[in-house]
Structure formats: C-alpha cells, structure tokens
N, C-alpha and C. Protein backbone atom coordinates (compact mmCIF):
# COMPACT_ATOMS: atom_id res chain seq x y z
N UNK A 1 -40.84 -37.08 17.77
CA UNK A 1 -40.87 -35.75 17.76
C UNK A 1 -41.90 -35.49 16.56
N UNK A 2 -43.15 -34.81 16.76
CA UNK A 2 -43.77 -34.57 15.84
C UNK A 2 -43.83 -33.03 15.32
N UNK A 3 -43.10 -32.23 15.02
CA UNK A 3 -42.89 -30.82 14.61
C UNK A 3 -42.79 -30.58 13.26
N UNK A 4 -43.51 -29.73 12.78
CA UNK A 4 -43.06 -29.00 11.44
C UNK A 4 -42.66 -27.39 11.82
N UNK A 5 -41.62 -27.26 11.30
CA UNK A 5 -41.33 -25.84 11.29
C UNK A 5 -41.36 -25.24 10.30
N UNK A 6 -41.80 -23.70 9.99
CA UNK A 6 -42.06 -23.12 8.75
C UNK A 6 -40.95 -22.37 8.14
N UNK A 7 -40.00 -22.31 9.54
CA UNK A 7 -38.72 -21.19 9.01
C UNK A 7 -37.52 -21.68 9.65
N UNK A 8 -36.37 -21.43 8.98
CA UNK A 8 -35.28 -21.72 9.48
C UNK A 8 -35.13 -21.29 11.01
N UNK A 9 -34.53 -22.37 11.87
CA UNK A 9 -34.30 -21.86 13.47
C UNK A 9 -33.25 -20.79 13.34
N UNK A 10 -33.81 -19.65 14.15
CA UNK A 10 -32.81 -18.76 14.11
C UNK A 10 -31.56 -18.98 15.27
N UNK A 11 -30.37 -18.99 14.94
CA UNK A 11 -29.33 -19.30 16.00
C UNK A 11 -29.48 -18.45 17.26
N UNK A 12 -29.20 -19.03 18.42
CA UNK A 12 -29.35 -18.10 19.65
C UNK A 12 -28.47 -16.88 19.57
N UNK A 13 -29.01 -16.41 19.82
CA UNK A 13 -28.53 -14.55 19.86
C UNK A 13 -27.70 -14.28 18.66
N UNK A 14 -28.39 -14.80 17.68
CA UNK A 14 -27.88 -14.28 16.29
C UNK A 14 -28.81 -13.65 15.59
N UNK A 15 -29.18 -12.20 15.33
CA UNK A 15 -29.99 -11.74 14.28
C UNK A 15 -31.43 -12.01 15.38
N UNK A 16 -31.50 -11.88 16.23
CA UNK A 16 -32.70 -11.84 17.09
C UNK A 16 -33.05 -10.47 17.49
N UNK A 17 -34.35 -10.23 16.87
CA UNK A 17 -34.74 -8.70 17.07
C UNK A 17 -35.23 -8.70 18.52
N UNK A 18 -35.75 -9.75 19.29
CA UNK A 18 -36.38 -9.44 20.48
C UNK A 18 -35.47 -9.24 21.43
N UNK A 19 -35.92 -8.11 22.60
CA UNK A 19 -35.16 -8.08 23.58
C UNK A 19 -35.33 -8.90 24.85
N UNK A 20 -34.75 -9.75 25.06
CA UNK A 20 -35.21 -10.54 26.24
C UNK A 20 -35.62 -10.17 27.20
N UNK A 21 -34.90 -8.85 27.52
CA UNK A 21 -35.72 -8.46 28.96
C UNK A 21 -36.87 -7.87 29.00
N UNK A 22 -37.60 -7.77 27.96
CA UNK A 22 -38.67 -7.37 27.64
C UNK A 22 -39.98 -8.58 27.62
N UNK A 23 -39.34 -9.90 27.86
CA UNK A 23 -40.10 -10.99 27.85
C UNK A 23 -40.65 -11.39 26.29
N UNK A 24 -41.23 -12.44 26.59
CA UNK A 24 -41.91 -12.85 24.92
C UNK A 24 -43.26 -13.39 25.04
N UNK A 25 -44.06 -13.15 24.11
CA UNK A 25 -45.35 -13.81 23.73
C UNK A 25 -45.25 -15.06 23.07
N UNK A 26 -46.32 -15.92 23.70
CA UNK A 26 -46.24 -17.40 22.78
C UNK A 26 -47.80 -17.60 22.71
N UNK A 27 -47.69 -17.72 21.46
CA UNK A 27 -49.06 -18.17 21.26
C UNK A 27 -49.29 -19.40 20.70
N UNK A 28 -50.30 -20.19 21.25
CA UNK A 28 -50.76 -21.26 20.86
C UNK A 28 -52.05 -21.41 20.53
N UNK A 29 -52.34 -22.03 19.32
CA UNK A 29 -53.88 -22.00 18.76
C UNK A 29 -54.00 -23.31 18.29
N UNK A 30 -55.09 -23.85 17.91
CA UNK A 30 -55.64 -25.21 17.11
C UNK A 30 -56.97 -25.03 17.19
N UNK A 31 -57.51 -25.74 16.05
CA UNK A 31 -59.08 -26.03 16.28
C UNK A 31 -59.68 -26.76 17.76
N UNK A 32 -60.93 -26.17 17.88
CA UNK A 32 -61.55 -26.90 18.89
C UNK A 32 -61.80 -28.41 18.88
N UNK A 33 -61.35 -29.00 20.11
CA UNK A 33 -60.96 -30.59 19.71
C UNK A 33 -59.87 -31.14 19.59
N UNK A 34 -58.72 -30.18 19.36
CA UNK A 34 -57.62 -30.66 19.11
C UNK A 34 -56.81 -31.03 20.30
N UNK A 35 -57.18 -30.45 21.63
CA UNK A 35 -56.44 -31.02 22.70
C UNK A 35 -55.71 -29.83 23.12
N UNK A 36 -55.72 -28.80 22.29
CA UNK A 36 -54.73 -27.36 23.08
C UNK A 36 -55.05 -27.11 24.49
N UNK A 37 -56.20 -27.16 25.13
CA UNK A 37 -56.25 -26.60 26.41
C UNK A 37 -55.37 -27.90 27.24
N UNK A 38 -55.88 -29.06 27.63
CA UNK A 38 -55.18 -30.17 28.14
C UNK A 38 -53.75 -30.00 27.82
N UNK A 39 -53.14 -29.69 26.78
CA UNK A 39 -51.70 -29.43 26.42
C UNK A 39 -51.14 -28.46 27.34
N UNK A 40 -51.73 -27.34 27.07
CA UNK A 40 -51.52 -26.27 27.47
C UNK A 40 -51.44 -26.13 29.13
N UNK A 41 -52.71 -26.65 29.89
CA UNK A 41 -52.55 -27.15 31.50
C UNK A 41 -51.34 -27.95 31.80
N UNK A 42 -50.83 -28.91 30.93
CA UNK A 42 -49.54 -29.57 31.49
C UNK A 42 -48.45 -28.84 31.19
N UNK A 43 -48.41 -28.14 29.91
CA UNK A 43 -47.46 -27.44 29.75
C UNK A 43 -46.95 -26.52 31.02
N UNK A 44 -48.02 -25.80 31.52
CA UNK A 44 -47.77 -24.97 32.82
C UNK A 44 -47.09 -25.71 34.17
N UNK A 45 -47.71 -27.09 34.38
CA UNK A 45 -46.85 -28.01 35.06
C UNK A 45 -45.57 -28.21 34.90
N UNK A 46 -45.20 -28.40 33.52
CA UNK A 46 -43.61 -28.41 33.41
C UNK A 46 -42.78 -27.23 33.48
N UNK A 47 -43.29 -26.04 33.05
CA UNK A 47 -42.56 -24.88 32.68
C UNK A 47 -43.56 -23.79 33.52
N UNK A 48 -42.86 -23.88 35.05
CA UNK A 48 -43.20 -22.84 36.18
C UNK A 48 -43.01 -21.49 35.71
N UNK A 49 -42.01 -21.34 35.04
CA UNK A 49 -41.99 -19.97 34.72
C UNK A 49 -42.87 -19.32 33.47
N UNK A 50 -43.43 -19.84 32.85
CA UNK A 50 -44.50 -19.41 31.85
C UNK A 50 -45.68 -18.81 32.68
N UNK A 51 -46.23 -18.03 32.19
CA UNK A 51 -47.31 -16.81 32.65
C UNK A 51 -48.60 -17.12 31.66
N UNK A 52 -49.84 -17.55 32.34
CA UNK A 52 -50.65 -17.84 31.47
C UNK A 52 -51.77 -16.35 31.29
N UNK A 53 -51.95 -15.85 30.02
CA UNK A 53 -52.81 -15.09 29.93
C UNK A 53 -54.13 -15.13 29.86
N UNK A 54 -55.13 -14.77 30.84
CA UNK A 54 -56.60 -15.05 31.08
C UNK A 54 -57.28 -14.57 30.23
N UNK A 55 -57.99 -15.14 28.90
CA UNK A 55 -58.67 -14.26 27.99
C UNK A 55 -59.95 -13.83 28.69
N UNK A 56 -60.74 -12.86 28.09
CA UNK A 56 -61.98 -12.19 28.39
C UNK A 56 -63.07 -12.79 27.55
N UNK A 57 -64.32 -13.24 28.19
CA UNK A 57 -65.18 -13.50 27.30
C UNK A 57 -66.59 -12.95 27.70
N UNK A 58 -67.62 -12.85 26.79
CA UNK A 58 -68.97 -12.41 27.31
C UNK A 58 -69.73 -13.43 27.40
N UNK A 59 -69.53 -14.72 27.29
CA UNK A 59 -70.39 -15.84 27.49
C UNK A 59 -70.44 -16.25 28.94
N UNK A 60 -71.66 -16.88 29.30
CA UNK A 60 -71.76 -17.11 30.71
C UNK A 60 -70.58 -18.18 31.25
N UNK A 61 -70.19 -18.10 32.47
CA UNK A 61 -69.61 -19.41 32.93
C UNK A 61 -69.99 -20.62 32.80
N UNK A 62 -69.35 -21.50 32.64
CA UNK A 62 -70.06 -23.11 32.54
C UNK A 62 -69.52 -23.82 34.03
N UNK A 63 -70.26 -24.55 34.26
CA UNK A 63 -70.33 -25.13 35.75
C UNK A 63 -68.75 -25.34 35.96
N UNK A 64 -68.45 -25.10 36.94
CA UNK A 64 -67.22 -25.10 37.60
C UNK A 64 -65.83 -24.18 37.19
N UNK A 65 -66.33 -23.41 36.09
CA UNK A 65 -65.50 -22.30 35.78
C UNK A 65 -65.11 -21.08 36.84
N UNK A 66 -64.44 -20.35 36.73
CA UNK A 66 -63.98 -19.37 38.14
C UNK A 66 -63.66 -18.33 37.33
N UNK A 67 -64.41 -17.09 37.64
CA UNK A 67 -64.02 -15.69 36.95
C UNK A 67 -62.35 -15.46 37.59
N UNK A 68 -61.66 -15.05 36.36
CA UNK A 68 -60.37 -14.48 36.63
C UNK A 68 -59.41 -15.73 36.69
N UNK A 69 -59.93 -17.08 36.59
CA UNK A 69 -59.02 -18.01 36.59
C UNK A 69 -59.08 -18.76 35.19
N UNK A 70 -60.32 -19.26 34.72
CA UNK A 70 -60.80 -20.00 33.51
C UNK A 70 -61.08 -18.57 32.43
N UNK A 71 -61.61 -17.45 32.72
CA UNK A 71 -61.73 -16.43 31.96
C UNK A 71 -62.23 -15.40 32.75
N UNK A 72 -62.03 -14.19 32.35
CA UNK A 72 -62.52 -13.03 32.64
C UNK A 72 -63.90 -12.74 31.95
N UNK A 73 -65.07 -12.99 33.03
CA UNK A 73 -66.35 -12.96 32.41
C UNK A 73 -66.92 -11.63 32.34
N UNK A 74 -67.11 -11.10 31.52
CA UNK A 74 -67.57 -9.82 31.28
C UNK A 74 -68.86 -9.59 30.52
N UNK A 75 -69.68 -8.65 31.10
CA UNK A 75 -70.88 -8.27 30.40
C UNK A 75 -70.74 -7.83 29.13
N UNK A 76 -71.50 -7.81 28.10
CA UNK A 76 -71.55 -7.30 26.94
C UNK A 76 -70.97 -6.00 26.72
N UNK A 77 -71.84 -5.10 27.77
CA UNK A 77 -71.22 -3.67 27.77
C UNK A 77 -70.00 -3.51 28.24
N UNK A 78 -69.66 -4.06 29.27
CA UNK A 78 -68.19 -3.97 29.89
C UNK A 78 -67.15 -4.25 28.85
N UNK A 79 -67.34 -5.45 27.86
CA UNK A 79 -66.55 -5.85 27.10
C UNK A 79 -66.55 -4.70 26.00
N UNK A 80 -67.57 -4.29 25.38
CA UNK A 80 -67.59 -3.50 24.57
C UNK A 80 -66.59 -1.93 24.79
N UNK A 81 -66.99 -1.36 26.19
CA UNK A 81 -66.38 -0.39 26.67
C UNK A 81 -64.92 -0.36 26.52
N UNK A 82 -64.32 -1.51 27.02
CA UNK A 82 -62.77 -2.17 26.86
C UNK A 82 -62.51 -1.80 25.43
N UNK A 83 -63.36 -2.60 24.64
CA UNK A 83 -62.87 -2.66 23.24
C UNK A 83 -62.62 -1.49 22.44
N UNK A 84 -63.66 -0.36 23.03
CA UNK A 84 -63.61 1.05 22.32
C UNK A 84 -62.52 1.74 22.91
N UNK A 85 -62.24 1.51 23.94
CA UNK A 85 -61.17 2.11 25.02
C UNK A 85 -59.57 1.39 24.42
N UNK A 86 -59.84 0.69 23.68
CA UNK A 86 -58.33 -0.15 22.93
C UNK A 86 -57.64 -1.13 24.22
N UNK A 87 -58.73 -1.47 24.98
CA UNK A 87 -58.27 -2.45 26.13
C UNK A 87 -57.77 -3.84 25.58
N UNK A 88 -58.16 -4.17 24.50
CA UNK A 88 -57.73 -5.33 24.19
C UNK A 88 -56.45 -5.41 22.95
N UNK A 89 -55.70 -6.43 23.01
CA UNK A 89 -54.64 -6.57 21.97
C UNK A 89 -55.38 -7.33 20.92
N UNK A 90 -56.32 -8.07 21.10
CA UNK A 90 -57.15 -8.88 20.09
C UNK A 90 -58.65 -9.34 20.62
N UNK A 91 -59.54 -9.14 19.77
CA UNK A 91 -61.13 -9.52 20.52
C UNK A 91 -61.73 -9.89 19.07
N UNK A 92 -62.52 -10.76 19.13
CA UNK A 92 -63.39 -11.24 17.98
C UNK A 92 -64.83 -12.18 18.50
N UNK A 93 -65.75 -12.04 17.77
CA UNK A 93 -66.70 -12.70 18.32
C UNK A 93 -66.48 -14.17 17.60
N UNK A 94 -66.67 -15.10 18.16
CA UNK A 94 -66.09 -16.60 17.64
C UNK A 94 -67.65 -17.65 17.36
N UNK A 95 -67.14 -18.42 16.50
CA UNK A 95 -68.53 -19.29 16.10
C UNK A 95 -69.70 -18.81 15.80
N UNK A 96 -69.77 -17.55 15.61
CA UNK A 96 -71.11 -17.10 15.40
C UNK A 96 -71.94 -17.33 16.28
N UNK A 97 -71.62 -17.14 17.73
CA UNK A 97 -72.43 -17.87 18.60
C UNK A 97 -72.90 -16.53 19.37
N UNK A 98 -72.38 -15.17 18.88
CA UNK A 98 -72.69 -13.97 19.43
C UNK A 98 -71.86 -13.80 20.60
N UNK A 99 -71.03 -14.93 21.15
CA UNK A 99 -70.35 -14.13 22.16
C UNK A 99 -68.81 -13.74 21.91
N UNK A 100 -68.04 -12.81 22.61
CA UNK A 100 -66.92 -12.42 22.33
C UNK A 100 -66.00 -12.91 23.09
N UNK A 101 -64.61 -12.92 22.49
CA UNK A 101 -63.50 -13.25 23.36
C UNK A 101 -62.34 -12.08 22.96
N UNK A 102 -61.34 -12.25 24.17
CA UNK A 102 -60.40 -11.20 23.60
C UNK A 102 -59.27 -11.29 24.90
N UNK A 103 -58.26 -10.89 24.34
CA UNK A 103 -56.61 -10.69 25.14
C UNK A 103 -56.69 -9.36 25.56
N UNK A 104 -56.91 -9.14 26.80
CA UNK A 104 -56.64 -7.88 27.59
C UNK A 104 -55.22 -7.48 27.74
N UNK A 105 -55.12 -6.25 27.14
CA UNK A 105 -53.59 -5.77 27.32
C UNK A 105 -52.96 -5.75 28.65
N UNK A 106 -53.97 -5.78 29.47
CA UNK A 106 -53.41 -5.48 31.29
C UNK A 106 -53.06 -6.86 31.44
N UNK A 107 -53.49 -8.10 30.72
CA UNK A 107 -52.70 -9.51 30.97
C UNK A 107 -51.58 -9.86 30.49
N UNK A 108 -50.94 -8.88 29.67
CA UNK A 108 -49.72 -9.23 28.84
C UNK A 108 -48.74 -7.97 28.94
N UNK A 109 -49.06 -6.85 28.55
CA UNK A 109 -47.98 -6.04 28.58
C UNK A 109 -47.01 -5.76 29.72
N UNK A 110 -47.63 -5.68 31.13
CA UNK A 110 -47.02 -5.52 32.35
C UNK A 110 -46.10 -6.47 32.40
N UNK A 111 -46.47 -7.91 32.32
CA UNK A 111 -45.78 -9.21 32.18
C UNK A 111 -44.54 -8.84 31.17
N UNK A 112 -44.80 -8.65 30.21
CA UNK A 112 -43.60 -8.41 29.26
C UNK A 112 -42.47 -7.64 29.54
N UNK A 113 -43.05 -6.60 30.31
CA UNK A 113 -42.17 -5.72 30.67
C UNK A 113 -41.35 -6.15 31.84
N UNK A 114 -41.81 -6.98 32.78
CA UNK A 114 -41.26 -7.73 33.88
C UNK A 114 -40.29 -8.98 33.23
N UNK A 115 -40.11 -9.17 32.23
CA UNK A 115 -39.37 -10.20 31.32
C UNK A 115 -39.94 -11.73 31.37
N UNK A 116 -41.46 -11.66 31.60
CA UNK A 116 -41.89 -12.95 31.65
C UNK A 116 -42.57 -13.30 30.21
N UNK A 117 -42.49 -14.81 29.89
CA UNK A 117 -42.96 -15.31 28.83
C UNK A 117 -44.28 -15.44 28.87
N UNK A 118 -45.40 -15.00 28.11
CA UNK A 118 -46.75 -14.92 28.37
C UNK A 118 -47.22 -15.77 27.25
N UNK A 119 -48.18 -16.92 27.63
CA UNK A 119 -48.52 -17.62 26.84
C UNK A 119 -50.30 -17.64 26.55
N UNK A 120 -50.66 -17.18 25.39
CA UNK A 120 -51.96 -16.91 24.78
C UNK A 120 -52.37 -18.10 24.13
N UNK A 121 -53.18 -18.64 24.66
CA UNK A 121 -53.99 -19.64 24.00
C UNK A 121 -55.37 -18.99 23.34
N UNK A 122 -55.27 -19.02 22.04
CA UNK A 122 -56.07 -17.85 21.39
C UNK A 122 -56.42 -18.70 19.87
N UNK A 123 -57.22 -18.19 19.03
CA UNK A 123 -57.65 -18.87 17.88
C UNK A 123 -57.04 -18.01 16.42
N UNK A 124 -57.08 -18.48 15.77
CA UNK A 124 -56.17 -17.93 14.37
C UNK A 124 -56.40 -16.67 14.04
N UNK A 125 -57.49 -16.07 14.22
CA UNK A 125 -57.85 -14.62 13.92
C UNK A 125 -57.26 -13.95 14.92
N UNK A 126 -57.37 -14.32 16.24
CA UNK A 126 -56.65 -13.32 17.48
C UNK A 126 -55.18 -13.60 17.10
N UNK A 127 -54.41 -14.74 16.74
CA UNK A 127 -53.22 -14.60 16.53
C UNK A 127 -52.56 -13.72 15.58
N UNK A 128 -53.54 -13.44 14.36
CA UNK A 128 -53.06 -12.64 13.34
C UNK A 128 -53.06 -11.30 13.96
N UNK A 129 -53.78 -10.88 14.91
CA UNK A 129 -54.05 -9.77 15.67
C UNK A 129 -52.88 -9.50 16.21
N UNK A 130 -52.34 -10.39 17.00
CA UNK A 130 -51.13 -10.40 18.22
C UNK A 130 -50.31 -10.13 17.13
N UNK A 131 -49.56 -10.75 16.19
CA UNK A 131 -48.52 -10.67 15.38
C UNK A 131 -48.34 -9.27 14.91
N UNK A 132 -49.68 -8.51 14.50
CA UNK A 132 -49.14 -7.12 14.16
C UNK A 132 -48.62 -6.18 15.23
N UNK A 133 -48.90 -6.53 16.66
CA UNK A 133 -48.17 -5.88 17.56
C UNK A 133 -46.96 -6.34 18.37
N UNK A 134 -46.78 -7.84 17.88
CA UNK A 134 -45.65 -8.68 18.44
C UNK A 134 -45.17 -9.56 17.61
N UNK A 135 -44.40 -8.92 16.53
CA UNK A 135 -44.33 -9.58 15.21
C UNK A 135 -43.22 -10.65 15.42
N UNK A 136 -42.73 -10.75 16.63
CA UNK A 136 -41.53 -11.68 17.34
C UNK A 136 -42.13 -12.50 17.96
N UNK A 137 -43.53 -12.61 18.12
CA UNK A 137 -44.40 -13.64 19.08
C UNK A 137 -43.81 -15.11 18.56
N UNK A 138 -43.56 -15.95 19.30
CA UNK A 138 -43.40 -17.33 19.01
C UNK A 138 -44.74 -18.12 18.78
N UNK A 139 -44.86 -18.58 17.60
CA UNK A 139 -46.15 -19.14 17.31
C UNK A 139 -46.11 -20.36 17.16
N UNK A 140 -47.14 -21.34 17.82
CA UNK A 140 -47.26 -22.65 17.84
C UNK A 140 -48.98 -23.48 17.31
N UNK A 141 -49.10 -23.86 16.42
CA UNK A 141 -50.21 -24.22 16.30
C UNK A 141 -50.35 -25.89 16.41
N UNK A 142 -51.25 -26.32 17.58
CA UNK A 142 -51.64 -27.59 17.72
C UNK A 142 -52.42 -28.26 16.76
N UNK A 143 -52.35 -29.42 16.14
CA UNK A 143 -53.13 -30.00 15.31
C UNK A 143 -53.40 -31.51 15.42
N UNK A 144 -54.71 -31.96 15.18
CA UNK A 144 -54.92 -33.67 15.27
C UNK A 144 -54.14 -34.10 14.46
N UNK A 145 -54.16 -35.65 14.28
CA UNK A 145 -53.77 -36.36 13.22
C UNK A 145 -54.25 -36.04 12.16
N UNK A 146 -55.76 -36.02 12.32
CA UNK A 146 -56.45 -35.91 10.91
C UNK A 146 -57.64 -35.24 11.33
N UNK A 147 -58.50 -34.60 10.59
CA UNK A 147 -60.04 -34.15 10.54
C UNK A 147 -60.54 -35.13 11.15
N UNK A 148 -60.83 -36.41 10.78
CA UNK A 148 -61.64 -37.27 11.16
C UNK A 148 -61.37 -37.39 12.77
N UNK A 149 -60.09 -37.55 13.36
CA UNK A 149 -59.87 -37.60 14.59
C UNK A 149 -60.44 -36.66 15.62
N UNK A 150 -60.48 -35.37 14.58
CA UNK A 150 -60.89 -34.13 15.43
C UNK A 150 -62.31 -34.32 15.32
N UNK A 151 -63.09 -34.75 14.68
CA UNK A 151 -64.61 -34.76 14.59
C UNK A 151 -64.85 -35.79 15.68
N UNK A 152 -64.20 -36.99 15.62
CA UNK A 152 -64.43 -37.91 16.49
C UNK A 152 -64.55 -37.42 17.97
N UNK A 153 -63.40 -36.53 18.43
CA UNK A 153 -63.00 -35.92 19.53
C UNK A 153 -64.12 -34.89 20.14
N UNK A 154 -64.82 -34.30 18.99
CA UNK A 154 -65.90 -33.38 19.18
C UNK A 154 -67.19 -34.06 19.66
N UNK A 155 -67.67 -35.04 19.03
CA UNK A 155 -68.56 -35.95 19.26
C UNK A 155 -68.34 -36.84 20.41
N UNK A 156 -67.30 -37.01 20.69
CA UNK A 156 -67.02 -37.75 22.06
C UNK A 156 -67.52 -36.93 23.34
N UNK A 157 -67.50 -35.99 23.14
CA UNK A 157 -67.90 -34.48 24.28
C UNK A 157 -69.19 -34.88 24.42
N UNK A 158 -70.06 -34.94 23.57
CA UNK A 158 -71.52 -35.08 23.52
C UNK A 158 -72.18 -33.71 24.67
N UNK A 159 -71.38 -32.75 24.40
CA UNK A 159 -71.97 -31.60 24.96
C UNK A 159 -72.57 -30.65 24.14
N UNK A 160 -72.65 -30.60 22.67
CA UNK A 160 -73.28 -29.68 21.71
C UNK A 160 -74.02 -30.52 20.80
N UNK A 161 -75.01 -29.85 20.18
CA UNK A 161 -75.96 -30.05 19.12
C UNK A 161 -75.37 -30.36 17.89
N UNK A 162 -75.74 -31.24 17.04
CA UNK A 162 -75.31 -31.63 15.64
C UNK A 162 -74.73 -30.22 14.99
N UNK A 163 -75.77 -29.05 14.66
CA UNK A 163 -75.35 -28.16 14.23
C UNK A 163 -74.20 -27.34 14.76
N UNK A 164 -73.89 -27.19 16.20
CA UNK A 164 -73.01 -26.72 16.76
C UNK A 164 -71.71 -27.33 16.19
N UNK A 165 -71.50 -28.78 16.20
CA UNK A 165 -70.35 -29.59 15.93
C UNK A 165 -70.02 -29.57 14.50
N UNK A 166 -71.21 -29.23 13.49
CA UNK A 166 -70.71 -28.74 12.14
C UNK A 166 -70.15 -27.73 12.32
N UNK A 167 -70.51 -26.73 12.96
CA UNK A 167 -70.01 -25.19 12.71
C UNK A 167 -68.59 -25.12 13.11
N UNK A 168 -68.26 -26.02 14.25
CA UNK A 168 -67.00 -26.32 14.61
C UNK A 168 -66.06 -26.78 13.85
N UNK A 169 -66.36 -28.03 13.15
CA UNK A 169 -65.80 -28.49 11.98
C UNK A 169 -65.52 -27.58 10.86
N UNK A 170 -66.32 -26.57 10.39
CA UNK A 170 -66.13 -25.51 9.57
C UNK A 170 -65.15 -24.85 10.01
N UNK A 171 -65.12 -24.42 11.00
CA UNK A 171 -64.26 -23.22 11.61
C UNK A 171 -62.72 -24.06 11.55
N UNK A 172 -62.80 -25.29 12.06
CA UNK A 172 -61.55 -26.22 12.37
C UNK A 172 -60.69 -26.41 10.91
N UNK A 173 -61.88 -26.52 9.74
CA UNK A 173 -61.18 -26.89 8.36
C UNK A 173 -60.25 -25.36 7.84
N UNK A 174 -60.95 -24.51 8.13
CA UNK A 174 -60.50 -22.91 7.89
C UNK A 174 -59.18 -22.59 8.42
N UNK A 175 -59.24 -23.06 9.95
CA UNK A 175 -58.13 -22.89 10.98
C UNK A 175 -56.77 -23.67 10.47
N UNK A 176 -57.24 -25.04 10.17
CA UNK A 176 -56.12 -26.01 9.57
C UNK A 176 -55.36 -25.43 8.24
N UNK A 177 -56.17 -24.67 7.29
CA UNK A 177 -55.74 -24.31 6.25
C UNK A 177 -54.84 -22.92 6.57
N UNK A 178 -54.87 -22.41 8.16
CA UNK A 178 -54.06 -21.29 8.13
C UNK A 178 -52.49 -21.61 8.97
N UNK A 179 -52.68 -22.97 9.20
CA UNK A 179 -51.68 -23.50 10.26
C UNK A 179 -50.11 -23.13 9.80
N UNK A 180 -49.96 -22.89 8.36
CA UNK A 180 -48.86 -22.88 7.84
C UNK A 180 -48.30 -21.35 7.96
N UNK A 181 -49.29 -20.48 8.64
CA UNK A 181 -48.78 -19.20 8.78
C UNK A 181 -48.10 -19.08 10.58
N UNK A 182 -47.89 -20.33 11.27
CA UNK A 182 -47.50 -20.31 12.31
C UNK A 182 -46.01 -20.90 12.02
N UNK A 183 -45.21 -20.32 13.09
CA UNK A 183 -43.78 -20.99 13.10
C UNK A 183 -43.71 -22.51 13.13
N UNK A 184 -44.37 -23.21 14.06
CA UNK A 184 -44.39 -24.44 14.42
C UNK A 184 -45.62 -24.89 14.27
N UNK A 185 -45.74 -26.34 13.79
CA UNK A 185 -46.81 -26.97 14.06
C UNK A 185 -46.75 -28.07 14.58
N UNK A 186 -47.42 -28.54 15.85
CA UNK A 186 -47.10 -29.87 16.65
C UNK A 186 -48.33 -30.67 16.58
N UNK A 187 -48.25 -32.05 16.10
CA UNK A 187 -49.29 -32.88 15.91
C UNK A 187 -49.71 -33.41 17.32
N UNK A 188 -50.92 -33.59 17.71
CA UNK A 188 -51.09 -34.15 18.94
C UNK A 188 -51.42 -35.43 18.92
N UNK A 189 -50.53 -36.45 18.93
CA UNK A 189 -50.59 -37.93 18.67
C UNK A 189 -50.88 -38.32 20.01
N UNK A 190 -50.24 -37.84 20.87
CA UNK A 190 -50.46 -37.89 22.19
C UNK A 190 -50.27 -36.64 23.28
N UNK A 191 -50.89 -36.42 24.28
CA UNK A 191 -50.69 -35.17 25.12
C UNK A 191 -49.15 -35.23 25.47
N UNK A 192 -48.73 -36.38 26.07
CA UNK A 192 -47.09 -36.04 26.43
C UNK A 192 -46.18 -35.81 25.53
N UNK A 193 -46.47 -36.47 24.26
CA UNK A 193 -45.63 -36.33 23.48
C UNK A 193 -45.67 -34.58 22.84
N UNK A 194 -46.95 -34.37 22.86
CA UNK A 194 -47.08 -32.65 22.49
C UNK A 194 -46.45 -31.75 23.14
N UNK A 195 -46.57 -32.17 24.46
CA UNK A 195 -46.01 -31.07 25.47
C UNK A 195 -44.63 -31.17 25.64
N UNK A 196 -44.15 -32.69 25.50
CA UNK A 196 -42.44 -32.66 24.99
C UNK A 196 -41.93 -31.93 24.03
N UNK A 197 -43.00 -32.03 22.86
CA UNK A 197 -42.41 -31.17 21.69
C UNK A 197 -42.51 -29.49 21.64
N UNK A 198 -43.46 -29.14 22.44
CA UNK A 198 -43.62 -27.62 22.95
C UNK A 198 -42.12 -27.30 23.38
N UNK A 199 -42.49 -28.13 24.68
CA UNK A 199 -40.92 -27.80 25.65
C UNK A 199 -39.70 -27.74 24.98
N UNK A 200 -39.64 -28.60 23.94
CA UNK A 200 -38.38 -28.46 23.10
C UNK A 200 -38.27 -27.36 22.38
N UNK A 201 -39.41 -26.90 22.00
CA UNK A 201 -39.32 -25.51 21.16
C UNK A 201 -39.02 -24.58 22.26
N UNK A 202 -39.62 -24.39 23.00
CA UNK A 202 -39.14 -23.37 24.21
C UNK A 202 -37.99 -23.33 24.63
N UNK A 203 -37.35 -24.42 24.90
CA UNK A 203 -35.88 -24.60 25.24
C UNK A 203 -35.01 -23.83 24.09
N UNK A 204 -35.06 -24.52 22.76
CA UNK A 204 -34.79 -23.87 21.49
C UNK A 204 -34.54 -22.70 21.74
N UNK A 205 -35.74 -21.80 21.96
CA UNK A 205 -35.90 -20.16 21.99
C UNK A 205 -35.35 -19.73 22.88
N UNK A 206 -34.64 -20.55 24.34
CA UNK A 206 -34.10 -19.91 25.16
C UNK A 206 -34.88 -19.23 26.21
N UNK A 207 -35.83 -20.03 26.38
CA UNK A 207 -36.63 -19.70 27.30
C UNK A 207 -35.86 -19.60 28.93
N UNK A 208 -35.93 -18.54 29.71
CA UNK A 208 -35.20 -18.29 31.07
C UNK A 208 -35.23 -19.46 31.67
N UNK A 209 -34.46 -20.10 32.18
CA UNK A 209 -34.42 -21.34 33.31
C UNK A 209 -35.11 -22.50 32.37
N UNK A 210 -34.61 -23.24 31.57
CA UNK A 210 -35.10 -24.18 30.82
C UNK A 210 -36.22 -25.06 31.52
N UNK A 211 -37.29 -25.22 30.74
CA UNK A 211 -38.03 -26.14 31.41
C UNK A 211 -37.55 -27.75 31.62
C-alpha cells in the first residue's frame, strides 16, 4: 500500500459532520502524466456506485472524444455565460493555453441530493475552490514515484511540443508542492495498486455498498 494520510482517520460515525443522505464529493487530482485518468477509469469499473462528474471545457474535442462523455464541449461564449451565472462550482484557464475547464453545478449538486458519491477529476486550483463549497469533500492526490518518471511519461506520449512539455512539468512541480493539502496521497507505482489503494480509502470512509 502506497498511501500518505495527512490527517488522523475519523472513526466511522464519530464527529463526522457530513450527512451521508446527501452524498459525498470525492476529488481526485494529480499532475498531467501521473496516470490519474487511467486510474479513475479503472476505479469506476471497480466501484459502480460512484458517479463521474463530466467537466466542461472550451477546447475542441480530440479524435475519439465524445461530447457529454469525455467533456461538455462549450463555446467560449457559452462557457462565459455559465460562469457569470454562477453555473460552475469551479472553473479556471489551465496551462496558459487560453482554454477554460470547469465543474458544472448541474453535474454535482443534484447527485449529492440523491445520496450519490460524485468523483471530480480536477486540478489543484479546482480542488481548492471545491473545498470552499464542500469542506468535507474526500480529497486524493495521485502522484508519480518521481518527477523524472513523470517527465518520462509525458515525453513517451509524443503528442506535444517541447515547450508544452516544459510548461506541463512546471505546473506539475507546483501541483506536487500542493499535494500536502489533500487528505490522502496515493503513489502510482502501478495502476492496479493505486486503484486498490483508492478503493481502500473509499471503503474506510464508508462508501455505500463497499467496492
């Protein structure tokens, strides 16, 4: 098991401010290239009771991506209208790319009211904003074994320019520095082990119908 816990475990049903009938927000973050997307996909296969919050973005779809499945692909004007109308729980421009990403309130709030556990796969900035609204959210940071391993993964993709890779590495360094803000850190030494570790955490926090 490769887990770092930042705070003592809260005993089940003891001094827990969260009302289980209203569901729970689960935030999973990690630097680009840490493997969190692969881990989250396998996590959903293990824990069918989890609900995925589909993020919104202004970037165009990549080959094979589907609207409403991978992302809600919005025009910049539509995104801005929703932002002004407080339609997002969190939203930011990322990587200095000019593209915006955000979590729509409509993806989260109704599901929490139904008692669902909603998983948000978002970055460190987004996690901080979410915690302002949901201070009892369960936060998990997925990290590579080393920064060198992260760089190797990014370069192995062979999908971005050298400048883009360097930009992602700089963001990754800042995100790794913020990892201590998360309740748990899970090391991705292997996808299977990382998923096992997250399942262990979810069960510890009494997810309905254990994974």
